Amino acid sequence: MTAAVAIAAGAACGVLSVEERPAAQVATISLKHDFKETPRGRLVVRNGDGKVVFSDSGAEFPYIWNLTDASGAQVAEGRYEVEAYLHGGAAYGRSSAAEIVVSRD
């Protein structure tokens, strides 16, 4: 099962999805898009309180997040939101949040 969220970027748009439901070791984040050029950007992961626990300003898709925070420690089990701030050529966009559920059981 995947979670999908539509994004808009001027004339370009796409869909952000998370493959693992729940994620135990990694979360694979994919982007389907209609940008004229392959988009890249900043990926941001927030915990349930809205605090940024991880970000990568050079994200390319598919992106494999190893479920660690900015200091390299494993994140706690729970719900997280991921979004991306994207650019491809002259087009820019921001995704809505997609959910990542971390469960190591």
PDB file of N, CA and C in Angstrom:
ATOM      1  N   MET A   1       0.846  -1.178   0.000  1.00  0.00           N
ATOM      2  CA  MET A   1       0.000   0.000   0.000  1.00  0.00           C
ATOM      3  C   MET A   1       0.890   1.239   0.000  1.00  0.00           C
ATOM      4  N   THR A   2       0.541   2.232  -0.780  1.00  0.00           N
ATOM      5  CA  THR A   2       1.317   3.465  -0.812  1.00  0.00           C
ATOM      6  C   THR A   2       0.428   4.635  -0.435  1.00  0.00           C
ATOM      7  N   ALA A   3       1.052   5.643   0.139  1.00  0.00           N
ATOM      8  CA  ALA A   3       0.357   6.893   0.424  1.00  0.00           C
ATOM      9  C   ALA A   3       0.782   7.872  -0.651  1.00  0.00           C
ATOM     10  N   ALA A   4      -0.152   8.565  -1.247  1.00  0.00           N
ATOM     11  CA  ALA A   4       0.172   9.469  -2.341  1.00  0.00           C
ATOM     12  C   ALA A   4      -0.401  10.848  -2.069  1.00  0.00           C
ATOM     13  N   VAL A   5       0.369  11.853  -2.453  1.00  0.00           N
ATOM     14  CA  VAL A   5      -0.043  13.240  -2.267  1.00  0.00           C
ATOM     15  C   VAL A   5       0.300  13.995  -3.534  1.00  0.00           C
ATOM     16  N   ALA A   6      -0.647  14.725  -4.093  1.00  0.00           N
ATOM     17  CA  ALA A   6      -0.399  15.497  -5.310  1.00  0.00           C
ATOM     18  C   ALA A   6       0.326  16.781  -4.954  1.00  0.00           C
ATOM     19  N   ILE A   7       1.191  17.231  -5.862  1.00  0.00           N
ATOM     20  CA  ILE A   7       1.878  18.505  -5.681  1.00  0.00           C
ATOM     21  C   ILE A   7       1.707  19.343  -6.938  1.00  0.00           C
ATOM     22  N   ALA A   8       1.911  20.625  -6.780  1.00  0.00           N
ATOM     23  CA  ALA A   8       1.826  21.515  -7.928  1.00  0.00           C
ATOM     24  C   ALA A   8       3.052  22.394  -7.971  1.00  0.00           C
ATOM     25  N   ALA A   9       3.541  22.646  -9.161  1.00  0.00           N
ATOM     26  CA  ALA A   9       4.707  23.502  -9.325  1.00  0.00           C
ATOM     27  C   ALA A   9       4.554  24.281 -10.613  1.00  0.00           C
ATOM     28  N   GLY A  10       3.801  25.359 -10.585  1.00  0.00           N
ATOM     29  CA  GLY A  10       3.553  26.099 -11.811  1.00  0.00           C
ATOM     30  C   GLY A  10       2.854  25.186 -12.794  1.00  0.00           C
ATOM     31  N   ALA A  11       3.463  24.951 -13.960  1.00  0.00           N
ATOM     32  CA  ALA A  11       2.883  24.060 -14.953  1.00  0.00           C
ATOM     33  C   ALA A  11       3.261  22.609 -14.696  1.00  0.00           C
ATOM     34  N   ALA A  12       4.116  22.342 -13.723  1.00  0.00           N
ATOM     35  CA  ALA A  12       4.566  20.980 -13.438  1.00  0.00           C
ATOM     36  C   ALA A  12       3.924  20.479 -12.151  1.00  0.00           C
ATOM     37  N   CYS A  13       3.645  19.176 -12.098  1.00  0.00           N
ATOM     38  CA  CYS A  13       3.103  18.593 -10.876  1.00  0.00           C
ATOM     39  C   CYS A  13       3.544  17.140 -10.761  1.00  0.00           C
ATOM     40  N   GLY A  14       3.287  16.527  -9.609  1.00  0.00           N
ATOM     41  CA  GLY A  14       3.679  15.152  -9.401  1.00  0.00           C
ATOM     42  C   GLY A  14       3.001  14.547  -8.202  1.00  0.00           C
ATOM     43  N   VAL A  15       3.388  13.318  -7.880  1.00  0.00           N
ATOM     44  CA  VAL A  15       2.822  12.590  -6.748  1.00  0.00           C
ATOM     45  C   VAL A  15       3.968  12.011  -5.922  1.00  0.00           C
ATOM     46  N   LEU A  16       3.975  12.315  -4.635  1.00  0.00           N
ATOM     47  CA  LEU A  16       4.955  11.797  -3.688  1.00  0.00           C
ATOM     48  C   LEU A  16       4.357  10.559  -3.040  1.00  0.00           C
ATOM     49  N   SER A  17       5.116   9.449  -2.969  1.00  0.00           N
ATOM     50  CA  SER A  17       4.587   8.227  -2.362  1.00  0.00           C
ATOM     51  C   SER A  17       5.654   7.547  -1.514  1.00  0.00           C
ATOM     52  N   VAL A  18       5.184   6.804  -0.512  1.00  0.00           N
ATOM     53  CA  VAL A  18       6.053   6.046   0.388  1.00  0.00           C
ATOM     54  C   VAL A  18       5.698   4.580   0.218  1.00  0.00           C
ATOM     55  N   GLU A  19       6.680   3.740  -0.126  1.00  0.00           N
ATOM     56  CA  GLU A  19       6.408   2.341  -0.430  1.00  0.00           C
ATOM     57  C   GLU A  19       6.154   1.485   0.802  1.00  0.00           C
ATOM     58  N   GLU A  20       6.975   1.599   1.827  1.00  0.00           N
ATOM     59  CA  GLU A  20       6.867   0.727   2.986  1.00  0.00           C
ATOM     60  C   GLU A  20       5.760   1.190   3.916  1.00  0.00           C
ATOM     61  N   ARG A  21       4.828   0.288   4.256  1.00  0.00           N
ATOM     62  CA  ARG A  21       3.706   0.608   5.138  1.00  0.00           C
ATOM     63  C   ARG A  21       3.474  -0.544   6.087  1.00  0.00           C
ATOM     64  N   PRO A  22       4.017  -0.607   7.277  1.00  0.00           N
ATOM     65  CA  PRO A  22       4.871   0.422   7.877  1.00  0.00           C
ATOM     66  C   PRO A  22       6.333   0.237   7.468  1.00  0.00           C
ATOM     67  N   ALA A  23       7.150   1.201   7.801  1.00  0.00           N
ATOM     68  CA  ALA A  23       8.588   1.156   7.528  1.00  0.00           C
ATOM     69  C   ALA A  23       9.300   0.609   8.758  1.00  0.00           C
ATOM     70  N   ALA A  24      10.153  -0.393   8.554  1.00  0.00           N
ATOM     71  CA  ALA A  24      10.881  -1.001   9.669  1.00  0.00           C
ATOM     72  C   ALA A  24      12.366  -0.659   9.635  1.00  0.00           C
ATOM     73  N   GLN A  25      12.964  -0.619   8.436  1.00  0.00           N
ATOM     74  CA  GLN A  25      14.396  -0.339   8.318  1.00  0.00           C
ATOM     75  C   GLN A  25      14.688   0.865   7.440  1.00  0.00           C
ATOM     76  N   VAL A  26      13.905   1.050   6.384  1.00  0.00           N
ATOM     77  CA  VAL A  26      14.038   2.199   5.482  1.00  0.00           C
ATOM     78  C   VAL A  26      12.660   2.613   5.001  1.00  0.00           C
ATOM     79  N   ALA A  27      12.573   3.820   4.473  1.00  0.00           N
ATOM     80  CA  ALA A  27      11.372   4.296   3.789  1.00  0.00           C
ATOM     81  C   ALA A  27      11.803   4.753   2.403  1.00  0.00           C
ATOM     82  N   THR A  28      11.219   4.154   1.380  1.00  0.00           N
ATOM     83  CA  THR A  28      11.519   4.525   0.002  1.00  0.00           C
ATOM     84  C   THR A  28      10.477   5.538  -0.453  1.00  0.00           C
ATOM     85  N   ILE A  29      10.948   6.734  -0.763  1.00  0.00           N
ATOM     86  CA  ILE A  29      10.067   7.842  -1.126  1.00  0.00           C
ATOM     87  C   ILE A  29      10.238   8.103  -2.620  1.00  0.00           C
ATOM     88  N   SER A  30       9.152   7.956  -3.363  1.00  0.00           N
ATOM     89  CA  SER A  30       9.188   8.117  -4.814  1.00  0.00           C
ATOM     90  C   SER A  30       8.407   9.347  -5.238  1.00  0.00           C
ATOM     91  N   LEU A  31       8.731   9.839  -6.415  1.00  0.00           N
ATOM     92  CA  LEU A  31       8.055  11.000  -6.971  1.00  0.00           C
ATOM     93  C   LEU A  31       7.728  10.729  -8.424  1.00  0.00           C
ATOM     94  N   LYS A  32       6.442  10.730  -8.753  1.00  0.00           N
ATOM     95  CA  LYS A  32       6.005  10.707 -10.150  1.00  0.00           C
ATOM     96  C   LYS A  32       5.686  12.146 -10.492  1.00  0.00           C
ATOM     97  N   HIS A  33       6.122  12.608 -11.658  1.00  0.00           N
ATOM     98  CA  HIS A  33       6.013  14.038 -11.951  1.00  0.00           C
ATOM     99  C   HIS A  33       5.847  14.290 -13.431  1.00  0.00           C
ATOM    100  N   ASP A  34       5.488  15.517 -13.754  1.00  0.00           N
ATOM    101  CA  ASP A  34       5.481  15.942 -15.147  1.00  0.00           C
ATOM    102  C   ASP A  34       6.341  17.195 -15.352  1.00  0.00           C
ATOM    103  N   PHE A  35       7.370  17.344 -14.506  1.00  0.00           N
ATOM    104  CA  PHE A  35       8.356  18.398 -14.731  1.00  0.00           C
ATOM    105  C   PHE A  35       9.033  18.131 -16.075  1.00  0.00           C
ATOM    106  N   LYS A  36       9.438  19.170 -16.766  1.00  0.00           N
ATOM    107  CA  LYS A  36      10.148  18.988 -18.034  1.00  0.00           C
ATOM    108  C   LYS A  36      11.542  18.423 -17.804  1.00  0.00           C
ATOM    109  N   GLU A  37      12.131  18.735 -16.638  1.00  0.00           N
ATOM    110  CA  GLU A  37      13.434  18.184 -16.255  1.00  0.00           C
ATOM    111  C   GLU A  37      13.244  17.404 -14.969  1.00  0.00           C
ATOM    112  N   THR A  38      14.126  16.443 -14.728  1.00  0.00           N
ATOM    113  CA  THR A  38      14.024  15.648 -13.504  1.00  0.00           C
ATOM    114  C   THR A  38      14.179  16.553 -12.290  1.00  0.00           C
ATOM    115  N   PRO A  39      13.165  16.576 -11.413  1.00  0.00           N
ATOM    116  CA  PRO A  39      13.245  17.468 -10.251  1.00  0.00           C
ATOM    117  C   PRO A  39      14.153  16.938  -9.157  1.00  0.00           C
ATOM    118  N   ARG A  40      14.730  17.859  -8.432  1.00  0.00           N
ATOM    119  CA  ARG A  40      15.526  17.596  -7.238  1.00  0.00           C
ATOM    120  C   ARG A  40      15.040  18.576  -6.194  1.00  0.00           C
ATOM    121  N   GLY A  41      15.529  18.426  -4.990  1.00  0.00           N
ATOM    122  CA  GLY A  41      15.121  19.405  -4.005  1.00  0.00           C
ATOM    123  C   GLY A  41      15.454  19.036  -2.582  1.00  0.00           C
ATOM    124  N   ARG A  42      14.749  19.662  -1.678  1.00  0.00           N
ATOM    125  CA  ARG A  42      14.961  19.469  -0.240  1.00  0.00           C
ATOM    126  C   ARG A  42      13.850  18.586   0.302  1.00  0.00           C
ATOM    127  N   LEU A  43      14.239  17.510   0.951  1.00  0.00           N
ATOM    128  CA  LEU A  43      13.315  16.588   1.587  1.00  0.00           C
ATOM    129  C   LEU A  43      13.297  16.888   3.080  1.00  0.00           C
ATOM    130  N   VAL A  44      12.104  16.978   3.673  1.00  0.00           N
ATOM    131  CA  VAL A  44      11.966  17.310   5.088  1.00  0.00           C
ATOM    132  C   VAL A  44      11.069  16.270   5.748  1.00  0.00           C
ATOM    133  N   VAL A  45      11.541  15.706   6.883  1.00  0.00           N
ATOM    134  CA  VAL A  45      10.761  14.740   7.659  1.00  0.00           C
ATOM    135  C   VAL A  45      10.485  15.359   9.018  1.00  0.00           C
ATOM    136  N   ARG A  46       9.197  15.363   9.408  1.00  0.00           N
ATOM    137  CA  ARG A  46       8.781  15.911  10.700  1.00  0.00           C
ATOM    138  C   ARG A  46       8.155  14.811  11.543  1.00  0.00           C
ATOM    139  N   ASN A  47       8.361  14.892  12.857  1.00  0.00           N
ATOM    140  CA  ASN A  47       7.725  13.937  13.761  1.00  0.00           C
ATOM    141  C   ASN A  47       6.281  14.369  14.037  1.00  0.00           C
ATOM    142  N   GLY A  48       5.583  13.632  14.901  1.00  0.00           N
ATOM    143  CA  GLY A  48       4.191  13.915  15.204  1.00  0.00           C
ATOM    144  C   GLY A  48       3.949  15.266  15.838  1.00  0.00           C
ATOM    145  N   ASP A  49       4.981  15.855  16.437  1.00  0.00           N
ATOM    146  CA  ASP A  49       4.875  17.184  17.038  1.00  0.00           C
ATOM    147  C   ASP A  49       5.194  18.302  16.043  1.00  0.00           C
ATOM    148  N   GLY A  50       5.532  17.931  14.799  1.00  0.00           N
ATOM    149  CA  GLY A  50       5.862  18.926  13.786  1.00  0.00           C
ATOM    150  C   GLY A  50       7.320  19.345  13.772  1.00  0.00           C
ATOM    151  N   LYS A  51       8.150  18.744  14.634  1.00  0.00           N
ATOM    152  CA  LYS A  51       9.574  19.080  14.692  1.00  0.00           C
ATOM    153  C   LYS A  51      10.322  18.390  13.546  1.00  0.00           C
ATOM    154  N   VAL A  52      11.166  19.150  12.860  1.00  0.00           N
ATOM    155  CA  VAL A  52      11.986  18.564  11.791  1.00  0.00           C
ATOM    156  C   VAL A  52      13.017  17.646  12.437  1.00  0.00           C
ATOM    157  N   VAL A  53      12.982  16.373  12.047  1.00  0.00           N
ATOM    158  CA  VAL A  53      13.943  15.406  12.580  1.00  0.00           C
ATOM    159  C   VAL A  53      15.016  15.051  11.559  1.00  0.00           C
ATOM    160  N   PHE A  54      14.728  15.309  10.274  1.00  0.00           N
ATOM    161  CA  PHE A  54      15.685  14.985   9.222  1.00  0.00           C
ATOM    162  C   PHE A  54      15.385  15.849   8.007  1.00  0.00           C
ATOM    163  N   SER A  55      16.443  16.276   7.325  1.00  0.00           N
ATOM    164  CA  SER A  55      16.270  16.945   6.037  1.00  0.00           C
ATOM    165  C   SER A  55      17.492  16.696   5.175  1.00  0.00           C
ATOM    166  N   ASP A  56      17.283  16.751   3.867  1.00  0.00           N
ATOM    167  CA  ASP A  56      18.366  16.579   2.898  1.00  0.00           C
ATOM    168  C   ASP A  56      18.118  17.566   1.771  1.00  0.00           C
ATOM    169  N   SER A  57      19.019  18.514   1.594  1.00  0.00           N
ATOM    170  CA  SER A  57      18.825  19.554   0.589  1.00  0.00           C
ATOM    171  C   SER A  57      19.210  19.116  -0.819  1.00  0.00           C
ATOM    172  N   GLY A  58      19.763  17.921  -0.970  1.00  0.00           N
ATOM    173  CA  GLY A  58      20.142  17.436  -2.296  1.00  0.00           C
ATOM    174  C   GLY A  58      19.381  16.192  -2.693  1.00  0.00           C
ATOM    175  N   ALA A  59      18.118  16.087  -2.306  1.00  0.00           N
ATOM    176  CA  ALA A  59      17.333  14.873  -2.531  1.00  0.00           C
ATOM    177  C   ALA A  59      17.036  14.635  -4.007  1.00  0.00           C
ATOM    178  N   GLU A  60      17.239  13.399  -4.426  1.00  0.00           N
ATOM    179  CA  GLU A  60      16.834  12.909  -5.740  1.00  0.00           C
ATOM    180  C   GLU A  60      15.941  11.703  -5.498  1.00  0.00           C
ATOM    181  N   PHE A  61      15.064  11.418  -6.438  1.00  0.00           N
ATOM    182  CA  PHE A  61      14.069  10.370  -6.232  1.00  0.00           C
ATOM    183  C   PHE A  61      14.266   9.207  -7.190  1.00  0.00           C
ATOM    184  N   PRO A  62      14.015   7.958  -6.738  1.00  0.00           N
ATOM    185  CA  PRO A  62      13.514   7.622  -5.410  1.00  0.00           C
ATOM    186  C   PRO A  62      14.573   7.895  -4.342  1.00  0.00           C
ATOM    187  N   TYR A  63      14.081   8.287  -3.183  1.00  0.00           N
ATOM    188  CA  TYR A  63      14.948   8.617  -2.052  1.00  0.00           C
ATOM    189  C   TYR A  63      14.779   7.545  -0.987  1.00  0.00           C
ATOM    190  N   ILE A  64      15.878   7.023  -0.477  1.00  0.00           N
ATOM    191  CA  ILE A  64      15.808   6.010   0.579  1.00  0.00           C
ATOM    192  C   ILE A  64      16.235   6.659   1.888  1.00  0.00           C
ATOM    193  N   TRP A  65      15.261   6.810   2.788  1.00  0.00           N
ATOM    194  CA  TRP A  65      15.533   7.358   4.123  1.00  0.00           C
ATOM    195  C   TRP A  65      15.759   6.192   5.061  1.00  0.00           C
ATOM    196  N   ASN A  66      16.867   6.204   5.775  1.00  0.00           N
ATOM    197  CA  ASN A  66      17.232   5.091   6.656  1.00  0.00           C
ATOM    198  C   ASN A  66      16.652   5.207   8.060  1.00  0.00           C
ATOM    199  N   LEU A  67      15.626   6.026   8.226  1.00  0.00           N
ATOM    200  CA  LEU A  67      14.891   6.179   9.486  1.00  0.00           C
ATOM    201  C   LEU A  67      15.775   6.675  10.623  1.00  0.00           C
ATOM    202  N   THR A  68      16.706   7.565  10.283  1.00  0.00           N
ATOM    203  CA  THR A  68      17.543   8.192  11.301  1.00  0.00           C
ATOM    204  C   THR A  68      17.270   9.693  11.323  1.00  0.00           C
ATOM    205  N   ASP A  69      17.607  10.301  12.455  1.00  0.00           N
ATOM    206  CA  ASP A  69      17.431  11.742  12.576  1.00  0.00           C
ATOM    207  C   ASP A  69      18.673  12.463  12.063  1.00  0.00           C
ATOM    208  N   ALA A  70      18.700  13.765  12.230  1.00  0.00           N
ATOM    209  CA  ALA A  70      19.812  14.574  11.717  1.00  0.00           C
ATOM    210  C   ALA A  70      21.151  14.209  12.342  1.00  0.00           C
ATOM    211  N   SER A  71      21.141  13.632  13.551  1.00  0.00           N
ATOM    212  CA  SER A  71      22.398  13.243  14.208  1.00  0.00           C
ATOM    213  C   SER A  71      22.795  11.801  13.909  1.00  0.00           C
ATOM    214  N   GLY A  72      21.966  11.072  13.150  1.00  0.00           N
ATOM    215  CA  GLY A  72      22.285   9.689  12.791  1.00  0.00           C
ATOM    216  C   GLY A  72      21.671   8.646  13.703  1.00  0.00           C
ATOM    217  N   ALA A  73      20.932   9.070  14.733  1.00  0.00           N
ATOM    218  CA  ALA A  73      20.274   8.124  15.643  1.00  0.00           C
ATOM    219  C   ALA A  73      18.952   7.645  15.035  1.00  0.00           C
ATOM    220  N   GLN A  74      18.569   6.393  15.307  1.00  0.00           N
ATOM    221  CA  GLN A  74      17.296   5.884  14.819  1.00  0.00           C
ATOM    222  C   GLN A  74      16.145   6.698  15.404  1.00  0.00           C
ATOM    223  N   VAL A  75      15.147   7.002  14.561  1.00  0.00           N
ATOM    224  CA  VAL A  75      13.964   7.693  15.060  1.00  0.00           C
ATOM    225  C   VAL A  75      13.085   6.696  15.813  1.00  0.00           C
ATOM    226  N   ALA A  76      12.270   7.211  16.704  1.00  0.00           N
ATOM    227  CA  ALA A  76      11.355   6.372  17.472  1.00  0.00           C
ATOM    228  C   ALA A  76      10.236   5.850  16.576  1.00  0.00           C
ATOM    229  N   GLU A  77       9.610   4.763  16.999  1.00  0.00           N
ATOM    230  CA  GLU A  77       8.433   4.286  16.293  1.00  0.00           C
ATOM    231  C   GLU A  77       7.362   5.364  16.370  1.00  0.00           C
ATOM    232  N   GLY A  78       6.539   5.437  15.342  1.00  0.00           N
ATOM    233  CA  GLY A  78       5.469   6.421  15.329  1.00  0.00           C
ATOM    234  C   GLY A  78       5.195   6.924  13.930  1.00  0.00           C
ATOM    235  N   ARG A  79       4.419   7.994  13.856  1.00  0.00           N
ATOM    236  CA  ARG A  79       4.032   8.592  12.577  1.00  0.00           C
ATOM    237  C   ARG A  79       4.892   9.815  12.283  1.00  0.00           C
ATOM    238  N   TYR A  80       5.317   9.896  11.037  1.00  0.00           N
ATOM    239  CA  TYR A  80       6.128  11.008  10.549  1.00  0.00           C
ATOM    240  C   TYR A  80       5.503  11.530   9.267  1.00  0.00           C
ATOM    241  N   GLU A  81       5.782  12.778   8.950  1.00  0.00           N
ATOM    242  CA  GLU A  81       5.342  13.361   7.696  1.00  0.00           C
ATOM    243  C   GLU A  81       6.558  13.754   6.886  1.00  0.00           C
ATOM    244  N   VAL A  82       6.489  13.503   5.592  1.00  0.00           N
ATOM    245  CA  VAL A  82       7.581  13.862   4.692  1.00  0.00           C
ATOM    246  C   VAL A  82       7.010  14.778   3.612  1.00  0.00           C
ATOM    247  N   GLU A  83       7.778  15.783   3.259  1.00  0.00           N
ATOM    248  CA  GLU A  83       7.413  16.655   2.143  1.00  0.00           C
ATOM    249  C   GLU A  83       8.688  17.066   1.416  1.00  0.00           C
ATOM    250  N   ALA A  84       8.512  17.550   0.208  1.00  0.00           N
ATOM    251  CA  ALA A  84       9.662  17.935  -0.603  1.00  0.00           C
ATOM    252  C   ALA A  84       9.427  19.309  -1.199  1.00  0.00           C
ATOM    253  N   TYR A  85      10.489  20.103  -1.229  1.00  0.00           N
ATOM    254  CA  TYR A  85      10.514  21.394  -1.901  1.00  0.00           C
ATOM    255  C   TYR A  85      11.329  21.153  -3.168  1.00  0.00           C
ATOM    256  N   LEU A  86      10.695  21.244  -4.328  1.00  0.00           N
ATOM    257  CA  LEU A  86      11.273  20.737  -5.571  1.00  0.00           C
ATOM    258  C   LEU A  86      11.589  21.829  -6.579  1.00  0.00           C
ATOM    259  N   HIS A  87      12.572  21.524  -7.432  1.00  0.00           N
ATOM    260  CA  HIS A  87      12.836  22.365  -8.600  1.00  0.00           C
ATOM    261  C   HIS A  87      13.328  21.472  -9.730  1.00  0.00           C
ATOM    262  N   GLY A  88      12.872  21.778 -10.916  1.00  0.00           N
ATOM    263  CA  GLY A  88      13.297  21.085 -12.126  1.00  0.00           C
ATOM    264  C   GLY A  88      13.330  22.095 -13.244  1.00  0.00           C
ATOM    265  N   GLY A  89      14.524  22.507 -13.657  1.00  0.00           N
ATOM    266  CA  GLY A  89      14.630  23.587 -14.629  1.00  0.00           C
ATOM    267  C   GLY A  89      14.098  24.867 -14.023  1.00  0.00           C
ATOM    268  N   ALA A  90      13.158  25.512 -14.695  1.00  0.00           N
ATOM    269  CA  ALA A  90      12.573  26.760 -14.204  1.00  0.00           C
ATOM    270  C   ALA A  90      11.331  26.527 -13.348  1.00  0.00           C
ATOM    271  N   ALA A  91      10.899  25.279 -13.194  1.00  0.00           N
ATOM    272  CA  ALA A  91       9.693  24.968 -12.419  1.00  0.00           C
ATOM    273  C   ALA A  91      10.040  24.668 -10.969  1.00  0.00           C
ATOM    274  N   TYR A  92       9.208  25.168 -10.060  1.00  0.00           N
ATOM    275  CA  TYR A  92       9.377  24.948  -8.627  1.00  0.00           C
ATOM    276  C   TYR A  92       8.072  24.448  -8.047  1.00  0.00           C
ATOM    277  N   GLY A  93       8.155  23.700  -6.945  1.00  0.00           N
ATOM    278  CA  GLY A  93       6.941  23.239  -6.284  1.00  0.00           C
ATOM    279  C   GLY A  93       7.230  22.724  -4.894  1.00  0.00           C
ATOM    280  N   ARG A  94       6.160  22.510  -4.149  1.00  0.00           N
ATOM    281  CA  ARG A  94       6.252  21.974  -2.795  1.00  0.00           C
ATOM    282  C   ARG A  94       5.207  20.881  -2.676  1.00  0.00           C
ATOM    283  N   SER A  95       5.607  19.730  -2.170  1.00  0.00           N
ATOM    284  CA  SER A  95       4.636  18.664  -2.001  1.00  0.00           C
ATOM    285  C   SER A  95       3.821  18.887  -0.746  1.00  0.00           C
ATOM    286  N   SER A  96       2.643  18.330  -0.713  1.00  0.00           N
ATOM    287  CA  SER A  96       1.910  18.213   0.536  1.00  0.00           C
ATOM    288  C   SER A  96       2.555  17.067   1.297  1.00  0.00           C
ATOM    289  N   ALA A  97       2.240  16.925   2.566  1.00  0.00           N
ATOM    290  CA  ALA A  97       2.873  15.901   3.391  1.00  0.00           C
ATOM    291  C   ALA A  97       2.315  14.512   3.083  1.00  0.00           C
ATOM    292  N   ALA A  98       3.215  13.511   3.025  1.00  0.00           N
ATOM    293  CA  ALA A  98       2.849  12.101   2.947  1.00  0.00           C
ATOM    294  C   ALA A  98       3.260  11.465   4.263  1.00  0.00           C
ATOM    295  N   GLU A  99       2.536  10.470   4.687  1.00  0.00           N
ATOM    296  CA  GLU A  99       2.793   9.839   5.995  1.00  0.00           C
ATOM    297  C   GLU A  99       3.763   8.673   5.888  1.00  0.00           C
ATOM    298  N   ILE A 100       4.667   8.613   6.858  1.00  0.00           N
ATOM    299  CA  ILE A 100       5.546   7.448   7.053  1.00  0.00           C
ATOM    300  C   ILE A 100       5.244   6.920   8.451  1.00  0.00           C
ATOM    301  N   VAL A 101       4.911   5.653   8.541  1.00  0.00           N
ATOM    302  CA  VAL A 101       4.688   5.010   9.830  1.00  0.00           C
ATOM    303  C   VAL A 101       5.901   4.120  10.103  1.00  0.00           C
ATOM    304  N   VAL A 102       6.601   4.394  11.210  1.00  0.00           N
ATOM    305  CA  VAL A 102       7.769   3.601  11.591  1.00  0.00           C
ATOM    306  C   VAL A 102       7.336   2.613  12.654  1.00  0.00           C
ATOM    307  N   SER A 103       7.549   1.324  12.366  1.00  0.00           N
ATOM    308  CA  SER A 103       7.242   0.247  13.309  1.00  0.00           C
ATOM    309  C   SER A 103       8.286  -0.841  13.113  1.00  0.00           C
ATOM    310  N   ARG A 104       9.013  -1.146  14.153  1.00  0.00           N
ATOM    311  CA  ARG A 104      10.093  -2.134  14.045  1.00  0.00           C
ATOM    312  C   ARG A 104       9.683  -3.517  14.566  1.00  0.00           C
ATOM    313  N   ASP A 105       8.405  -3.741  14.801  1.00  0.00           N
ATOM    314  CA  ASP A 105       7.927  -5.051  15.266  1.00  0.00           C
ATOM    315  C   ASP A 105       7.981  -6.093  14.179  1.00  0.00           C
TER     316      ASP A 105
END
